[in-house]
Amino acid sequence: MIGFIRKAQKLFYDGPALFNYPGRRMSGYRSPNVLIGQWLHAFTVKHFTVSGRMLILITGPFFVAGLTTLLTPVYFLSFTLASLFIVDFVVGWLLRPRVAITRTFQESSDCHAPVRIDYTVRNLGRLPAWNLYVDAVPLPTVLRPADDAIPYVDHLMPGEEVQLTREIVAERRGSHLLPLPTADSAFPFGLWRWGCHGLPTHPLLVYPEYTRLSHIVMPSRERVQHRGISAGDRAGHSMEFLGCREYRHGDNPRHIHAQSWARLGQPIVKEFREETMHRITLIADVYMPPLAQWYKLTRRINTQFEAAMSLTAAVADRLHEDSFTIDMLVPGYEDHRLRECDRDHLWNILEMLACLDEVTDVVFPELSSDDMVELAEIGAVIIVLLDWDGRRRELVQNMLAAGIQVKVIIATRRRTTLPVDVPAATVVLAKDIMAGHVTEV
């Protein structure tokens, strides 16, 4: 008995698996009241159709009135409505569908880009499945369907399989979990749903939305990776083709260009060179003061933080286009550290930026001595800040004192805490970033 109670308690505190995040969104203390609300919400959206919810709301007052009055019409009306729901419940349970459902979609997407979802539904039962609604559970608030139509199958015979599709749109960057894939039948009266659900699917990773920059005013090129990086020394890379020239004694015969030799009548060879990439460090700031309650209630997202992530992504994209190799650093988070690798490094940076959240209960941290030594070796830093205060100013001054060329970009809602007094600094407003007006920093 004790084991059963402990198992039930664990299942309760894990939260409803329907939303595909049992226990993942809560750490430390878990409020029983919040969990009860989540369980009731999951039960309602899973089993009650919109018509069924309306019927419950209408039947309740009439049922109470029928218990407290002898008026026959009120009694019969409440009895009729309750009987309608009971018949739908029982008949739906007897004819409940036994289906297998799988859902597939891409692992990543751009913000506000349509994402196609493919479903495979197969009837495993001996009876036909009627009025099947696929994935009728509401999506998270940051995801919305591209249209209002829910995938629907009028009837599915035993052993029959059907392919369905729909499109959704992500309105915010992040790693978003979709509810469990469901296939529910509202047969016969469309008040109560019986059905099955599939296995959890991978999260949808949504990259930050950004406007591409045309130019970045870089720190002095004297310190931007003065050693250079030979891209040809890495796996998967080769030397860059430079052109063709006449054959010289000692050239590799494998580099002979036969077409040019035939056209000119003398040996011609292809010439290559090592591709050198510059290296730079990009630092992202995630530390913000607590937001006012009125701001949290009136806005679903933190505009300033989202603008900073968007601008950081735009800077990384511009550096990638200019053949820079980027080291990504988030102060205070050793796990969020990316060092230079291959030319596909940009996607790793966008993936990191997609998963970052603002921190409001910790002040801006200092960089370790090892980080400062590594930054000094690289020689150039672009730092995107959310404010300009004493701690951030001290960090920039320390980097300048170490001989590091620093480009400071500040994304703010209104004004900074202290006046900006460093060279190569740019202050941009969050609303301009979100509107796509910032094309140069």
Foldseek 3Di string as FASTA:
>chain_A
DVVVVVVVVQQLCLADCQQVRRVNVDDDDDDSVVSVVRVVLCVCQAWFDPVQVVLCVVLVVLVVVLVVDPDVVSVVVSVVSVVVVVVLVVVCVVQWFDKAKDKDWDQEEAAFDKTKIKMKIFGADQAKAAWKFKLSRDWPPQKAWPDPDTDTDGIAHHGGMDMDMTIMGGNAFAFGFTGFIWIWHSPDPNTTTHTDTYDGDGTYGYFADFFAAPEEPFFDPCQFQVPWDFQCVDPPDHFAWDAKDADDPPDDPVQWDVVVCVVPVGTMGTDTDTDTATEEEEEEEQEDADDDPVVVVVDVDDLLLSLLLRVSLNVLVVSLVVRYFYWYYYPPDPVLTDGGDHSVVSVVSRSSSSHDHHDHPDDGDADDPVVLVVQLNSQEYEYEEAADDDVVVVRVVVSVVSNHGYAYEYEYQPHHPDDDDDPNYYYDYSVCRVVNNDRYD
